[in-house]
Amino acid sequence: MARVGLGWTNQQLAENAQVAPNTVSNFENGRDIQPSSKQAIERALLSSRQVRFEGANCVCIVDKPSA
């Protein structure tokens, strides 16, 4: 799970994506959610600049850049 790899809680991802925590749970458990909610979650994850999507089922955590 990308959110866990980022160290984010369900609540943090929900807040960043501006969706309900239940929507995040449904998304993570493979349940159907609104396409706009899925896009919002994906945008929130990408905004971390540590996540990239590869193909339909692969989410990769990118190492943090060194300071």
N, C-alpha and C. Protein backbone atom coordinates (compact mmCIF):
# COMPACT_ATOMS: atom_id res chain seq x y z
N MET A 1 0.83 -1.18 0.00
CA MET A 1 0.00 0.00 0.00
C MET A 1 0.88 1.24 0.00
N ALA A 2 0.64 2.10 -0.94
CA ALA A 2 1.45 3.31 -1.05
C ALA A 2 1.35 4.18 0.19
N ARG A 3 0.15 4.29 0.72
CA ARG A 3 -0.05 5.14 1.90
C ARG A 3 0.81 4.68 3.06
N VAL A 4 0.89 3.38 3.27
CA VAL A 4 1.70 2.83 4.36
C VAL A 4 3.18 3.09 4.08
N GLY A 5 3.58 2.91 2.83
CA GLY A 5 4.97 3.17 2.44
C GLY A 5 5.36 4.61 2.70
N LEU A 6 4.40 5.51 2.61
CA LEU A 6 4.67 6.93 2.89
C LEU A 6 4.62 7.25 4.37
N GLY A 7 4.11 6.30 5.16
CA GLY A 7 3.95 6.55 6.58
C GLY A 7 2.70 7.35 6.89
N TRP A 8 1.75 7.37 5.95
CA TRP A 8 0.50 8.10 6.14
C TRP A 8 -0.55 7.20 6.77
N THR A 9 -1.40 7.78 7.58
CA THR A 9 -2.57 7.07 8.09
C THR A 9 -3.69 7.16 7.05
N ASN A 10 -4.71 6.34 7.26
CA ASN A 10 -5.90 6.41 6.42
C ASN A 10 -6.46 7.82 6.45
N GLN A 11 -6.52 8.41 7.62
CA GLN A 11 -7.06 9.76 7.79
C GLN A 11 -6.23 10.80 7.04
N GLN A 12 -4.91 10.67 7.09
CA GLN A 12 -4.05 11.63 6.38
C GLN A 12 -4.26 11.57 4.88
N LEU A 13 -4.35 10.36 4.33
CA LEU A 13 -4.60 10.25 2.89
C LEU A 13 -5.97 10.81 2.55
N ALA A 14 -6.96 10.50 3.36
CA ALA A 14 -8.31 11.01 3.11
C ALA A 14 -8.31 12.54 3.10
N GLU A 15 -7.63 13.14 4.07
CA GLU A 15 -7.56 14.61 4.13
C GLU A 15 -6.84 15.17 2.91
N ASN A 16 -5.71 14.57 2.54
CA ASN A 16 -4.95 15.05 1.38
C ASN A 16 -5.73 14.91 0.09
N ALA A 17 -6.55 13.87 -0.01
CA ALA A 17 -7.34 13.63 -1.21
C ALA A 17 -8.71 14.30 -1.14
N GLN A 18 -9.06 14.81 0.02
CA GLN A 18 -10.37 15.43 0.25
C GLN A 18 -11.50 14.44 -0.02
N VAL A 19 -11.33 13.24 0.52
CA VAL A 19 -12.37 12.20 0.47
C VAL A 19 -12.57 11.67 1.88
N ALA A 20 -13.59 10.88 2.08
CA ALA A 20 -13.86 10.30 3.39
C ALA A 20 -12.88 9.15 3.67
N PRO A 21 -12.50 8.94 4.92
CA PRO A 21 -11.63 7.81 5.26
C PRO A 21 -12.20 6.47 4.78
N ASN A 22 -13.52 6.33 4.81
CA ASN A 22 -14.16 5.11 4.33
C ASN A 22 -13.90 4.89 2.84
N THR A 23 -13.82 5.98 2.09
CA THR A 23 -13.52 5.89 0.65
C THR A 23 -12.10 5.35 0.45
N VAL A 24 -11.16 5.81 1.26
CA VAL A 24 -9.79 5.29 1.18
C VAL A 24 -9.78 3.80 1.49
N SER A 25 -10.48 3.40 2.53
CA SER A 25 -10.55 1.97 2.88
C SER A 25 -11.14 1.15 1.75
N ASN A 26 -12.21 1.65 1.17
CA ASN A 26 -12.83 0.93 0.05
C ASN A 26 -11.86 0.80 -1.12
N PHE A 27 -11.16 1.87 -1.43
CA PHE A 27 -10.17 1.87 -2.51
C PHE A 27 -9.07 0.83 -2.24
N GLU A 28 -8.56 0.83 -1.02
CA GLU A 28 -7.48 -0.08 -0.67
C GLU A 28 -7.91 -1.54 -0.65
N ASN A 29 -9.20 -1.77 -0.43
CA ASN A 29 -9.72 -3.13 -0.39
C ASN A 29 -10.32 -3.58 -1.72
N GLY A 30 -10.09 -2.78 -2.77
CA GLY A 30 -10.51 -3.17 -4.11
C GLY A 30 -11.99 -3.01 -4.38
N ARG A 31 -12.69 -2.29 -3.53
CA ARG A 31 -14.11 -2.05 -3.76
C ARG A 31 -14.27 -0.89 -4.74
N ASP A 32 -15.41 -0.86 -5.40
CA ASP A 32 -15.69 0.21 -6.34
C ASP A 32 -15.88 1.53 -5.61
N ILE A 33 -15.24 2.57 -6.14
CA ILE A 33 -15.46 3.93 -5.67
C ILE A 33 -15.65 4.81 -6.89
N GLN A 34 -16.13 6.00 -6.67
CA GLN A 34 -16.34 6.94 -7.76
C GLN A 34 -15.01 7.21 -8.47
N PRO A 35 -15.03 7.28 -9.81
CA PRO A 35 -13.80 7.60 -10.54
C PRO A 35 -13.14 8.89 -10.06
N SER A 36 -13.93 9.88 -9.71
CA SER A 36 -13.36 11.15 -9.24
C SER A 36 -12.63 10.96 -7.90
N SER A 37 -13.15 10.07 -7.05
CA SER A 37 -12.48 9.78 -5.77
C SER A 37 -11.18 9.04 -6.01
N LYS A 38 -11.19 8.10 -6.94
CA LYS A 38 -9.96 7.37 -7.27
C LYS A 38 -8.90 8.34 -7.80
N GLN A 39 -9.30 9.23 -8.65
CA GLN A 39 -8.36 10.22 -9.19
C GLN A 39 -7.82 11.12 -8.09
N ALA A 40 -8.67 11.50 -7.15
CA ALA A 40 -8.24 12.37 -6.05
C ALA A 40 -7.23 11.65 -5.17
N ILE A 41 -7.45 10.37 -4.90
CA ILE A 41 -6.51 9.58 -4.09
C ILE A 41 -5.18 9.45 -4.83
N GLU A 42 -5.24 9.15 -6.11
CA GLU A 42 -4.02 9.02 -6.90
C GLU A 42 -3.25 10.34 -6.93
N ARG A 43 -3.95 11.45 -7.10
CA ARG A 43 -3.28 12.77 -7.11
C ARG A 43 -2.62 13.05 -5.76
N ALA A 44 -3.31 12.71 -4.69
CA ALA A 44 -2.75 12.94 -3.35
C ALA A 44 -1.48 12.13 -3.16
N LEU A 45 -1.49 10.88 -3.60
CA LEU A 45 -0.30 10.04 -3.48
C LEU A 45 0.84 10.59 -4.33
N LEU A 46 0.53 10.98 -5.56
CA LEU A 46 1.55 11.53 -6.45
C LEU A 46 2.11 12.85 -5.92
N SER A 47 1.29 13.61 -5.21
CA SER A 47 1.74 14.90 -4.69
C SER A 47 2.85 14.75 -3.66
N SER A 48 2.98 13.55 -3.10
CA SER A 48 4.06 13.29 -2.15
C SER A 48 5.42 13.33 -2.84
N ARG A 49 5.41 13.17 -4.15
CA ARG A 49 6.62 13.09 -4.97
C ARG A 49 7.48 11.88 -4.60
N GLN A 50 6.86 10.91 -3.93
CA GLN A 50 7.56 9.68 -3.56
C GLN A 50 6.87 8.44 -4.13
N VAL A 51 5.79 8.64 -4.87
CA VAL A 51 5.02 7.52 -5.40
C VAL A 51 4.96 7.67 -6.91
N ARG A 52 5.05 6.53 -7.60
CA ARG A 52 4.80 6.53 -9.03
C ARG A 52 4.00 5.27 -9.35
N PHE A 53 3.17 5.37 -10.36
CA PHE A 53 2.35 4.25 -10.79
C PHE A 53 2.98 3.65 -12.03
N GLU A 54 3.10 2.33 -12.05
CA GLU A 54 3.64 1.61 -13.20
C GLU A 54 2.64 0.52 -13.57
N GLY A 55 2.02 0.66 -14.71
CA GLY A 55 1.03 -0.31 -15.12
C GLY A 55 -0.24 -0.16 -14.29
N ALA A 56 -1.11 -1.14 -14.41
CA ALA A 56 -2.41 -1.06 -13.75
C ALA A 56 -2.35 -1.41 -12.27
N ASN A 57 -1.38 -2.23 -11.87
CA ASN A 57 -1.40 -2.76 -10.51
C ASN A 57 -0.13 -2.52 -9.70
N CYS A 58 0.78 -1.72 -10.21
CA CYS A 58 2.05 -1.54 -9.50
C CYS A 58 2.18 -0.09 -9.02
N VAL A 59 2.34 0.04 -7.72
CA VAL A 59 2.62 1.35 -7.14
C VAL A 59 4.00 1.25 -6.52
N CYS A 60 4.88 2.15 -6.90
CA CYS A 60 6.26 2.11 -6.41
C CYS A 60 6.54 3.32 -5.53
N ILE A 61 7.23 3.07 -4.43
CA ILE A 61 7.66 4.14 -3.55
C ILE A 61 9.08 4.52 -3.98
N VAL A 62 9.27 5.78 -4.24
CA VAL A 62 10.56 6.30 -4.67
C VAL A 62 11.30 6.80 -3.45
N ASP A 63 12.58 6.52 -3.37
CA ASP A 63 13.38 7.00 -2.25
C ASP A 63 13.31 8.50 -2.15
N LYS A 64 13.32 9.00 -0.91
CA LYS A 64 13.35 10.45 -0.70
C LYS A 64 14.68 11.00 -1.19
N PRO A 65 14.64 12.14 -1.86
CA PRO A 65 15.91 12.75 -2.27
C PRO A 65 16.72 13.17 -1.05
N SER A 66 18.01 13.07 -1.15
CA SER A 66 18.89 13.49 -0.06
C SER A 66 18.87 15.00 0.06
N ALA A 67 19.00 15.48 1.27
CA ALA A 67 18.99 16.93 1.50
C ALA A 67 20.32 17.55 1.21
